[in-house]
PDB file of N, CA and C in Angstrom:
ATOM      1  N   UNK A   1     130.663-125.297 -23.811  1.00  0.00           N
ATOM      2  CA  UNK A   1     131.467-125.121 -22.482  1.00  0.00           C
ATOM      3  C   UNK A   1     130.145-124.521 -21.314  1.00  0.00           C
ATOM      4  N   UNK A   2     129.482-125.686 -20.643  1.00  0.00           N
ATOM      5  CA  UNK A   2     128.539-125.138 -19.473  1.00  0.00           C
ATOM      6  C   UNK A   2     129.514-123.850 -18.407  1.00  0.00           C
ATOM      7  N   UNK A   3     129.253-123.123 -17.753  1.00  0.00           N
ATOM      8  CA  UNK A   3     128.761-122.511 -17.049  1.00  0.00           C
ATOM      9  C   UNK A   3     128.469-122.916 -15.605  1.00  0.00           C
ATOM     10  N   UNK A   4     128.615-122.466 -14.089  1.00  0.00           N
ATOM     11  CA  UNK A   4     127.609-122.856 -13.801  1.00  0.00           C
ATOM     12  C   UNK A   4     126.812-121.352 -13.084  1.00  0.00           C
ATOM     13  N   UNK A   5     125.740-121.879 -12.738  1.00  0.00           N
ATOM     14  CA  UNK A   5     124.950-120.677 -12.368  1.00  0.00           C
ATOM     15  C   UNK A   5     125.492-119.786 -11.463  1.00  0.00           C
ATOM     16  N   UNK A   6     126.100-120.180 -10.502  1.00  0.00           N
ATOM     17  CA  UNK A   6     126.774-119.943  -8.907  1.00  0.00           C
ATOM     18  C   UNK A   6     128.140-118.746 -10.010  1.00  0.00           C
ATOM     19  N   UNK A   7     128.524-119.403 -11.048  1.00  0.00           N
ATOM     20  CA  UNK A   7     129.419-118.201 -12.129  1.00  0.00           C
ATOM     21  C   UNK A   7     128.691-116.863 -12.491  1.00  0.00           C
ATOM     22  N   UNK A   8     127.808-117.499 -13.161  1.00  0.00           N
ATOM     23  CA  UNK A   8     127.421-116.535 -14.012  1.00  0.00           C
ATOM     24  C   UNK A   8     126.319-115.557 -12.716  1.00  0.00           C
ATOM     25  N   UNK A   9     125.919-115.656 -11.525  1.00  0.00           N
ATOM     26  CA  UNK A   9     125.483-115.230 -10.654  1.00  0.00           C
ATOM     27  C   UNK A   9     126.808-114.021 -10.023  1.00  0.00           C
ATOM     28  N   UNK A  10     128.314-114.370  -9.996  1.00  0.00           N
ATOM     29  CA  UNK A  10     129.137-113.615  -9.522  1.00  0.00           C
ATOM     30  C   UNK A  10     129.285-112.376 -10.104  1.00  0.00           C
ATOM     31  N   UNK A  11     129.174-112.992 -11.970  1.00  0.00           N
ATOM     32  CA  UNK A  11     129.273-111.680 -13.120  1.00  0.00           C
ATOM     33  C   UNK A  11     128.323-110.714 -13.095  1.00  0.00           C
ATOM     34  N   UNK A  12     127.130-111.137 -12.993  1.00  0.00           N
ATOM     35  CA  UNK A  12     126.203-110.368 -13.092  1.00  0.00           C
ATOM     36  C   UNK A  12     126.128-109.580 -11.589  1.00  0.00           C
ATOM     37  N   UNK A  13     126.789-110.172 -11.016  1.00  0.00           N
ATOM     38  CA  UNK A  13     126.693-108.780  -9.153  1.00  0.00           C
ATOM     39  C   UNK A  13     128.016-108.074  -9.522  1.00  0.00           C
ATOM     40  N   UNK A  14     129.138-108.670 -10.137  1.00  0.00           N
ATOM     41  CA  UNK A  14     130.348-107.010 -10.238  1.00  0.00           C
ATOM     42  C   UNK A  14     130.132-106.530 -11.430  1.00  0.00           C
ATOM     43  N   UNK A  15     128.796-107.272 -12.410  1.00  0.00           N
ATOM     44  CA  UNK A  15     129.159-106.080 -13.133  1.00  0.00           C
ATOM     45  C   UNK A  15     127.716-104.692 -12.391  1.00  0.00           C
ATOM     46  N   UNK A  16     126.995-105.324 -11.938  1.00  0.00           N
ATOM     47  CA  UNK A  16     125.547-104.456 -11.193  1.00  0.00           C
ATOM     48  C   UNK A  16     126.627-103.383 -10.374  1.00  0.00           C
ATOM     49  N   UNK A  17     127.694-103.729  -9.818  1.00  0.00           N
ATOM     50  CA  UNK A  17     128.719-102.889  -9.185  1.00  0.00           C
ATOM     51  C   UNK A  17     129.486-101.616  -9.904  1.00  0.00           C
ATOM     52  N   UNK A  18     129.787-102.762 -11.060  1.00  0.00           N
ATOM     53  CA  UNK A  18     130.776-101.314 -11.817  1.00  0.00           C
ATOM     54  C   UNK A  18     129.764-100.475 -12.265  1.00  0.00           C
ATOM     55  N   UNK A  19     128.727-101.192 -12.259  1.00  0.00           N
ATOM     56  CA  UNK A  19     128.056-100.027 -13.573  1.00  0.00           C
ATOM     57  C   UNK A  19     126.658 -98.748 -12.079  1.00  0.00           C
ATOM     58  N   UNK A  20     127.245 -99.576 -11.254  1.00  0.00           N
ATOM     59  CA  UNK A  20     126.731 -98.170 -10.884  1.00  0.00           C
ATOM     60  C   UNK A  20     127.557 -97.364  -9.857  1.00  0.00           C
ATOM     61  N   UNK A  21     128.810 -97.827 -10.242  1.00  0.00           N
ATOM     62  CA  UNK A  21     130.126 -96.877  -9.592  1.00  0.00           C
ATOM     63  C   UNK A  21     130.394 -96.463 -10.471  1.00  0.00           C
ATOM     64  N   UNK A  22     130.053 -96.206 -11.850  1.00  0.00           N
ATOM     65  CA  UNK A  22     130.633 -95.836 -13.242  1.00  0.00           C
ATOM     66  C   UNK A  22     129.302 -94.471 -13.228  1.00  0.00           C
ATOM     67  N   UNK A  23     127.971 -95.291 -13.246  1.00  0.00           N
ATOM     68  CA  UNK A  23     126.525 -94.099 -13.226  1.00  0.00           C
ATOM     69  C   UNK A  23     126.814 -93.191 -11.936  1.00  0.00           C
ATOM     70  N   UNK A  24     127.328 -93.534 -11.052  1.00  0.00           N
ATOM     71  CA  UNK A  24     127.757 -92.288  -9.752  1.00  0.00           C
ATOM     72  C   UNK A  24     128.769 -91.737  -9.756  1.00  0.00           C
ATOM     73  N   UNK A  25     130.169 -91.767 -10.911  1.00  0.00           N
ATOM     74  CA  UNK A  25     131.097 -91.250 -10.940  1.00  0.00           C
ATOM     75  C   UNK A  25     130.354 -90.335 -11.923  1.00  0.00           C
ATOM     76  N   UNK A  26     129.955 -90.332 -13.045  1.00  0.00           N
ATOM     77  CA  UNK A  26     129.718 -89.672 -14.108  1.00  0.00           C
ATOM     78  C   UNK A  26     128.427 -89.173 -13.681  1.00  0.00           C
ATOM     79  N   UNK A  27     127.693 -88.996 -13.181  1.00  0.00           N
ATOM     80  CA  UNK A  27     127.389 -88.073 -12.647  1.00  0.00           C
ATOM     81  C   UNK A  27     127.768 -87.220 -11.500  1.00  0.00           C
ATOM     82  N   UNK A  28     128.624 -87.386 -11.188  1.00  0.00           N
ATOM     83  CA  UNK A  28     128.990 -86.676 -10.011  1.00  0.00           C
ATOM     84  C   UNK A  28     130.008 -85.494 -10.781  1.00  0.00           C
ATOM     85  N   UNK A  29     130.786 -86.301 -11.685  1.00  0.00           N
ATOM     86  CA  UNK A  29     131.819 -85.141 -12.609  1.00  0.00           C
ATOM     87  C   UNK A  29     130.406 -84.486 -13.276  1.00  0.00           C
ATOM     88  N   UNK A  30     129.804 -85.319 -13.866  1.00  0.00           N
ATOM     89  CA  UNK A  30     128.778 -83.882 -14.851  1.00  0.00           C
ATOM     90  C   UNK A  30     128.236 -82.729 -13.852  1.00  0.00           C
ATOM     91  N   UNK A  31     127.595 -83.596 -12.567  1.00  0.00           N
ATOM     92  CA  UNK A  31     126.937 -82.282 -11.689  1.00  0.00           C
ATOM     93  C   UNK A  31     127.928 -81.178 -11.223  1.00  0.00           C
ATOM     94  N   UNK A  32     128.943 -81.525 -10.619  1.00  0.00           N
ATOM     95  CA  UNK A  32     130.251 -81.025 -10.005  1.00  0.00           C
ATOM     96  C   UNK A  32     130.547 -80.051 -11.246  1.00  0.00           C
ATOM     97  N   UNK A  33     131.053 -80.140 -12.803  1.00  0.00           N
ATOM     98  CA  UNK A  33     131.155 -79.086 -13.313  1.00  0.00           C
ATOM     99  C   UNK A  33     129.952 -78.491 -14.121  1.00  0.00           C
ATOM    100  N   UNK A  34     128.363 -78.821 -13.918  1.00  0.00           N
ATOM    101  CA  UNK A  34     127.457 -77.753 -14.325  1.00  0.00           C
ATOM    102  C   UNK A  34     127.602 -76.762 -12.709  1.00  0.00           C
ATOM    103  N   UNK A  35     127.660 -77.550 -11.623  1.00  0.00           N
ATOM    104  CA  UNK A  35     127.677 -76.319 -10.346  1.00  0.00           C
ATOM    105  C   UNK A  35     129.348 -75.216 -10.582  1.00  0.00           C
ATOM    106  N   UNK A  36     130.729 -75.948 -11.182  1.00  0.00           N
ATOM    107  CA  UNK A  36     131.440 -74.910 -11.709  1.00  0.00           C
ATOM    108  C   UNK A  36     131.230 -73.728 -12.418  1.00  0.00           C
ATOM    109  N   UNK A  37     130.496 -74.053 -13.429  1.00  0.00           N
ATOM    110  CA  UNK A  37     130.306 -73.559 -14.578  1.00  0.00           C
ATOM    111  C   UNK A  37     129.233 -72.278 -14.361  1.00  0.00           C
ATOM    112  N   UNK A  38     128.216 -72.926 -13.256  1.00  0.00           N
ATOM    113  CA  UNK A  38     127.155 -71.978 -12.976  1.00  0.00           C
ATOM    114  C   UNK A  38     127.510 -70.950 -12.055  1.00  0.00           C
ATOM    115  N   UNK A  39     128.800 -71.706 -10.830  1.00  0.00           N
ATOM    116  CA  UNK A  39     128.869 -70.634 -10.301  1.00  0.00           C
ATOM    117  C   UNK A  39     130.115 -69.566 -10.530  1.00  0.00           C
ATOM    118  N   UNK A  40     130.640 -70.067 -11.881  1.00  0.00           N
ATOM    119  CA  UNK A  40     132.087 -69.101 -12.265  1.00  0.00           C
ATOM    120  C   UNK A  40     133.270 -69.834 -11.986  1.00  0.00           C
ATOM    121  N   UNK A  41     133.416 -71.125 -11.404  1.00  0.00           N
ATOM    122  CA  UNK A  41     134.025 -71.483 -10.670  1.00  0.00           C
ATOM    123  C   UNK A  41     135.242 -72.623 -11.548  1.00  0.00           C
ATOM    124  N   UNK A  42     136.128 -71.971 -12.179  1.00  0.00           N
ATOM    125  CA  UNK A  42     136.614 -72.862 -13.034  1.00  0.00           C
ATOM    126  C   UNK A  42     137.569 -73.752 -12.114  1.00  0.00           C
ATOM    127  N   UNK A  43     137.758 -73.808 -11.292  1.00  0.00           N
ATOM    128  CA  UNK A  43     138.577 -74.719 -10.693  1.00  0.00           C
ATOM    129  C   UNK A  43     138.232 -75.984 -10.239  1.00  0.00           C
ATOM    130  N   UNK A  44     136.378 -75.482 -10.355  1.00  0.00           N
ATOM    131  CA  UNK A  44     135.895 -77.323  -9.968  1.00  0.00           C
ATOM    132  C   UNK A  44     135.720 -77.649 -10.895  1.00  0.00           C
ATOM    133  N   UNK A  45     135.805 -76.895 -12.395  1.00  0.00           N
ATOM    134  CA  UNK A  45     135.450 -78.078 -13.453  1.00  0.00           C
ATOM    135  C   UNK A  45     137.073 -78.425 -14.097  1.00  0.00           C
ATOM    136  N   UNK A  46     137.830 -78.006 -13.788  1.00  0.00           N
ATOM    137  CA  UNK A  46     139.047 -78.594 -14.088  1.00  0.00           C
ATOM    138  C   UNK A  46     139.381 -79.987 -12.661  1.00  0.00           C
ATOM    139  N   UNK A  47     138.944 -79.565 -11.919  1.00  0.00           N
ATOM    140  CA  UNK A  47     139.316 -80.507 -10.917  1.00  0.00           C
ATOM    141  C   UNK A  47     138.047 -81.683 -10.315  1.00  0.00           C
ATOM    142  N   UNK A  48     136.950 -81.630 -11.000  1.00  0.00           N
ATOM    143  CA  UNK A  48     136.482 -82.523 -11.168  1.00  0.00           C
ATOM    144  C   UNK A  48     136.695 -83.341 -12.964  1.00  0.00           C
ATOM    145  N   UNK A  49     137.330 -82.907 -13.386  1.00  0.00           N
ATOM    146  CA  UNK A  49     137.906 -83.564 -14.325  1.00  0.00           C
ATOM    147  C   UNK A  49     138.880 -84.485 -14.401  1.00  0.00           C
ATOM    148  N   UNK A  50     139.652 -84.004 -13.506  1.00  0.00           N
ATOM    149  CA  UNK A  50     141.211 -84.386 -12.819  1.00  0.00           C
ATOM    150  C   UNK A  50     140.981 -85.217 -12.309  1.00  0.00           C
ATOM    151  N   UNK A  51     139.944 -85.231 -11.498  1.00  0.00           N
ATOM    152  CA  UNK A  51     139.970 -86.368 -10.214  1.00  0.00           C
ATOM    153  C   UNK A  51     138.963 -87.440 -10.568  1.00  0.00           C
ATOM    154  N   UNK A  52     137.634 -87.301 -11.473  1.00  0.00           N
ATOM    155  CA  UNK A  52     136.752 -88.007 -11.593  1.00  0.00           C
ATOM    156  C   UNK A  52     136.475 -88.943 -13.001  1.00  0.00           C
ATOM    157  N   UNK A  53     137.282 -88.118 -13.854  1.00  0.00           N
ATOM    158  CA  UNK A  53     137.592 -88.757 -15.465  1.00  0.00           C
ATOM    159  C   UNK A  53     137.837 -90.233 -15.070  1.00  0.00           C
ATOM    160  N   UNK A  54     139.244 -90.154 -15.121  1.00  0.00           N
ATOM    161  CA  UNK A  54     139.789 -91.355 -14.778  1.00  0.00           C
ATOM    162  C   UNK A  54     139.374 -92.397 -14.508  1.00  0.00           C
ATOM    163  N   UNK A  55     138.578 -92.612 -13.566  1.00  0.00           N
ATOM    164  CA  UNK A  55     137.834 -93.503 -12.587  1.00  0.00           C
ATOM    165  C   UNK A  55     136.630 -93.834 -13.492  1.00  0.00           C
ATOM    166  N   UNK A  56     136.079 -92.575 -13.692  1.00  0.00           N
ATOM    167  CA  UNK A  56     134.808 -93.190 -14.574  1.00  0.00           C
ATOM    168  C   UNK A  56     134.854 -93.697 -15.544  1.00  0.00           C
ATOM    169  N   UNK A  57     135.846 -93.764 -16.430  1.00  0.00           N
ATOM    170  CA  UNK A  57     136.469 -94.544 -17.547  1.00  0.00           C
ATOM    171  C   UNK A  57     136.612 -95.759 -17.384  1.00  0.00           C
ATOM    172  N   UNK A  58     137.440 -95.802 -16.406  1.00  0.00           N
ATOM    173  CA  UNK A  58     138.318 -97.199 -16.052  1.00  0.00           C
ATOM    174  C   UNK A  58     136.599 -98.181 -15.428  1.00  0.00           C
ATOM    175  N   UNK A  59     135.520 -97.265 -14.580  1.00  0.00           N
ATOM    176  CA  UNK A  59     134.837 -98.490 -14.064  1.00  0.00           C
ATOM    177  C   UNK A  59     133.666 -98.332 -15.488  1.00  0.00           C
ATOM    178  N   UNK A  60     133.454 -97.670 -16.449  1.00  0.00           N
ATOM    179  CA  UNK A  60     132.479 -98.140 -17.819  1.00  0.00           C
ATOM    180  C   UNK A  60     133.059 -99.080 -18.536  1.00  0.00           C
ATOM    181  N   UNK A  61     135.063 -99.393 -18.437  1.00  0.00           N
ATOM    182  CA  UNK A  61     135.394-100.023 -19.472  1.00  0.00           C
ATOM    183  C   UNK A  61     135.436-101.766 -18.430  1.00  0.00           C
ATOM    184  N   UNK A  62     135.332-101.650 -17.327  1.00  0.00           N
ATOM    185  CA  UNK A  62     134.714-102.536 -16.167  1.00  0.00           C
ATOM    186  C   UNK A  62     133.516-102.878 -16.723  1.00  0.00           C
ATOM    187  N   UNK A  63     132.717-102.606 -16.633  1.00  0.00           N
ATOM    188  CA  UNK A  63     131.488-102.638 -17.076  1.00  0.00           C
ATOM    189  C   UNK A  63     130.836-103.390 -18.150  1.00  0.00           C
ATOM    190  N   UNK A  64     131.585-103.210 -18.977  1.00  0.00           N
ATOM    191  CA  UNK A  64     131.558-103.589 -20.648  1.00  0.00           C
ATOM    192  C   UNK A  64     131.851-104.718 -20.676  1.00  0.00           C
ATOM    193  N   UNK A  65     133.335-104.720 -20.463  1.00  0.00           N
ATOM    194  CA  UNK A  65     133.977-105.926 -20.362  1.00  0.00           C
ATOM    195  C   UNK A  65     133.069-107.693 -19.192  1.00  0.00           C
ATOM    196  N   UNK A  66     132.505-106.626 -18.243  1.00  0.00           N
ATOM    197  CA  UNK A  66     131.503-107.959 -17.496  1.00  0.00           C
ATOM    198  C   UNK A  66     130.483-107.965 -18.429  1.00  0.00           C
ATOM    199  N   UNK A  67     129.824-107.284 -19.289  1.00  0.00           N
ATOM    200  CA  UNK A  67     128.627-107.387 -19.397  1.00  0.00           C
ATOM    201  C   UNK A  67     129.122-108.030 -20.917  1.00  0.00           C
ATOM    202  N   UNK A  68     129.599-108.119 -21.715  1.00  0.00           N
ATOM    203  CA  UNK A  68     130.541-109.263 -22.831  1.00  0.00           C
ATOM    204  C   UNK A  68     130.298-110.294 -22.481  1.00  0.00           C
ATOM    205  N   UNK A  69     131.455-110.423 -20.790  1.00  0.00           N
ATOM    206  CA  UNK A  69     131.158-112.091 -20.418  1.00  0.00           C
ATOM    207  C   UNK A  69     129.956-112.728 -20.148  1.00  0.00           C
ATOM    208  N   UNK A  70     128.788-111.730 -19.612  1.00  0.00           N
ATOM    209  CA  UNK A  70     127.768-112.530 -19.319  1.00  0.00           C
ATOM    210  C   UNK A  70     127.186-112.829 -20.862  1.00  0.00           C
ATOM    211  N   UNK A  71     127.027-111.954 -21.573  1.00  0.00           N
ATOM    212  CA  UNK A  71     126.265-112.649 -22.667  1.00  0.00           C
ATOM    213  C   UNK A  71     126.754-113.641 -23.411  1.00  0.00           C
ATOM    214  N   UNK A  72     128.421-113.960 -23.302  1.00  0.00           N
ATOM    215  CA  UNK A  72     129.102-115.322 -23.778  1.00  0.00           C
ATOM    216  C   UNK A  72     128.576-116.200 -22.986  1.00  0.00           C
ATOM    217  N   UNK A  73     128.861-116.167 -21.726  1.00  0.00           N
ATOM    218  CA  UNK A  73     128.620-116.818 -20.826  1.00  0.00           C
ATOM    219  C   UNK A  73     127.178-117.564 -21.094  1.00  0.00           C
ATOM    220  N   UNK A  74     126.125-116.655 -20.738  1.00  0.00           N
ATOM    221  CA  UNK A  74     124.685-117.206 -20.447  1.00  0.00           C
ATOM    222  C   UNK A  74     124.692-118.005 -22.167  1.00  0.00           C
ATOM    223  N   UNK A  75     125.025-117.483 -23.042  1.00  0.00           N
ATOM    224  CA  UNK A  75     124.730-118.056 -24.283  1.00  0.00           C
ATOM    225  C   UNK A  75     122.846-117.494 -24.610  1.00  0.00           C
ATOM    226  N   UNK A  76     122.651-118.462 -25.957  1.00  0.00           N
ATOM    227  CA  UNK A  76     121.487-118.283 -26.040  1.00  0.00           C
ATOM    228  C   UNK A  76     121.003-119.843 -26.398  1.00  0.00           C
ATOM    229  N   UNK A  77     119.365-120.330 -25.960  1.00  0.00           N
ATOM    230  CA  UNK A  77     118.995-121.127 -26.371  1.00  0.00           C
ATOM    231  C   UNK A  77     118.921-121.339 -27.463  1.00  0.00           C
ATOM    232  N   UNK A  78     119.018-123.013 -28.412  1.00  0.00           N
ATOM    233  CA  UNK A  78     119.263-123.238 -29.717  1.00  0.00           C
ATOM    234  C   UNK A  78     117.898-123.384 -30.252  1.00  0.00           C
ATOM    235  N   UNK A  79     117.111-122.511 -31.703  1.00  0.00           N
ATOM    236  CA  UNK A  79     115.786-122.689 -31.866  1.00  0.00           C
ATOM    237  C   UNK A  79     115.909-123.929 -32.934  1.00  0.00           C
ATOM    238  N   UNK A  80     114.573-124.029 -33.660  1.00  0.00           N
ATOM    239  CA  UNK A  80     114.920-124.542 -34.666  1.00  0.00           C
ATOM    240  C   UNK A  80     115.053-124.382 -35.691  1.00  0.00           C
ATOM    241  N   UNK A  81     115.187-122.895 -36.116  1.00  0.00           N
ATOM    242  CA  UNK A  81     116.285-122.322 -37.457  1.00  0.00           C
ATOM    243  C   UNK A  81     117.382-122.745 -37.247  1.00  0.00           C
ATOM    244  N   UNK A  82     118.033-122.583 -35.621  1.00  0.00           N
ATOM    245  CA  UNK A  82     119.715-122.936 -35.620  1.00  0.00           C
ATOM    246  C   UNK A  82     119.894-124.294 -35.826  1.00  0.00           C
ATOM    247  N   UNK A  83     118.948-124.957 -36.295  1.00  0.00           N
ATOM    248  CA  UNK A  83     119.488-126.314 -36.117  1.00  0.00           C
ATOM    249  C   UNK A  83     119.511-126.616 -37.697  1.00  0.00           C
ATOM    250  N   UNK A  84     119.722-125.974 -38.229  1.00  0.00           N
ATOM    251  CA  UNK A  84     119.023-126.154 -40.160  1.00  0.00           C
ATOM    252  C   UNK A  84     120.378-126.060 -40.798  1.00  0.00           C
TER     253      UNK A  84
END
Protein backbone atom coordinates (compact mmCIF):
# COMPACT_ATOMS: atom_id res chain seq x y z
CA UNK A 1 0.00 0.00 0.00
CA UNK A 2 1.45 3.33 -1.02
CA UNK A 3 0.50 6.49 0.82
CA UNK A 4 1.39 9.93 -0.44
CA UNK A 5 3.85 12.08 1.43
CA UNK A 6 1.14 14.70 1.79
CA UNK A 7 -1.09 12.27 3.72
CA UNK A 8 1.79 11.38 6.02
CA UNK A 9 2.49 15.08 6.56
CA UNK A 10 -1.12 15.74 7.59
CA UNK A 11 -1.13 12.84 10.03
CA UNK A 12 2.15 14.09 11.52
CA UNK A 13 0.73 17.60 11.87
CA UNK A 14 -2.38 16.33 13.66
CA UNK A 15 -0.22 14.15 15.90
CA UNK A 16 1.79 17.22 16.90
CA UNK A 17 -1.41 19.13 17.69
CA UNK A 18 -2.86 16.22 19.71
CA UNK A 19 0.37 15.71 21.68
CA UNK A 20 0.66 19.42 22.44
CA UNK A 21 -2.97 19.56 23.54
CA UNK A 22 -2.60 16.44 25.69
CA UNK A 23 0.59 17.61 27.38
CA UNK A 24 -0.81 21.09 27.96
CA UNK A 25 -3.99 19.76 29.54
CA UNK A 26 -2.09 17.22 31.64
CA UNK A 27 0.36 19.84 32.96
CA UNK A 28 -2.47 22.26 33.69
CA UNK A 29 -4.38 19.52 35.52
CA UNK A 30 -1.42 18.53 37.68
CA UNK A 31 -0.27 22.09 38.41
CA UNK A 32 -3.79 23.14 39.41
CA UNK A 33 -4.08 20.14 41.72
CA UNK A 34 -0.68 20.90 43.26
CA UNK A 35 -1.71 24.53 43.80
CA UNK A 36 -4.94 23.34 45.43
CA UNK A 37 -3.00 20.98 47.67
CA UNK A 38 -0.48 23.62 48.73
CA UNK A 39 -3.14 26.26 49.40
CA UNK A 40 -5.55 23.77 50.98
CA UNK A 41 -8.24 24.50 48.39
CA UNK A 42 -10.05 21.21 47.89
CA UNK A 43 -12.32 22.78 45.30
CA UNK A 44 -9.35 23.44 43.02
CA UNK A 45 -8.31 19.81 43.14
CA UNK A 46 -11.80 18.54 42.48
CA UNK A 47 -12.57 21.19 39.87
CA UNK A 48 -9.37 20.54 37.93
CA UNK A 49 -10.14 16.85 37.85
CA UNK A 50 -13.75 17.43 36.86
CA UNK A 51 -12.96 19.84 34.01
CA UNK A 52 -9.57 18.72 32.67
CA UNK A 53 -9.31 14.96 33.16
CA UNK A 54 -11.69 13.84 30.40
CA UNK A 55 -10.31 16.20 27.71
CA UNK A 56 -6.75 15.15 28.61
CA UNK A 57 -7.68 11.48 28.24
CA UNK A 58 -9.40 12.11 24.89
CA UNK A 59 -6.35 14.01 23.61
CA UNK A 60 -4.06 11.18 24.77
CA UNK A 61 -6.17 8.56 22.99
CA UNK A 62 -6.22 10.67 19.83
CA UNK A 63 -2.43 11.08 19.96
CA UNK A 64 -2.03 7.33 20.43
CA UNK A 65 -4.24 6.50 17.46
CA UNK A 66 -2.47 9.02 15.23
CA UNK A 67 0.92 7.69 16.34
CA UNK A 68 -0.23 4.18 15.44
CA UNK A 69 -1.36 5.45 12.03
CA UNK A 70 2.00 7.09 11.36
CA UNK A 71 3.85 3.94 12.34
CA UNK A 72 1.77 1.84 9.95
CA UNK A 73 1.62 4.35 7.10
CA UNK A 74 5.32 5.15 6.94
CA UNK A 75 6.39 1.55 7.09
CA UNK A 76 9.96 0.40 7.26
CA UNK A 77 12.45 -0.09 4.45
CA UNK A 78 13.07 -3.68 3.46
CA UNK A 79 16.50 -5.00 4.43
CA UNK A 80 18.48 -7.95 3.13
CA UNK A 81 17.50 -10.02 6.17
CA UNK A 82 13.79 -9.45 5.49
CA UNK A 83 14.05 -10.89 1.99
CA UNK A 84 15.22 -14.31 3.20
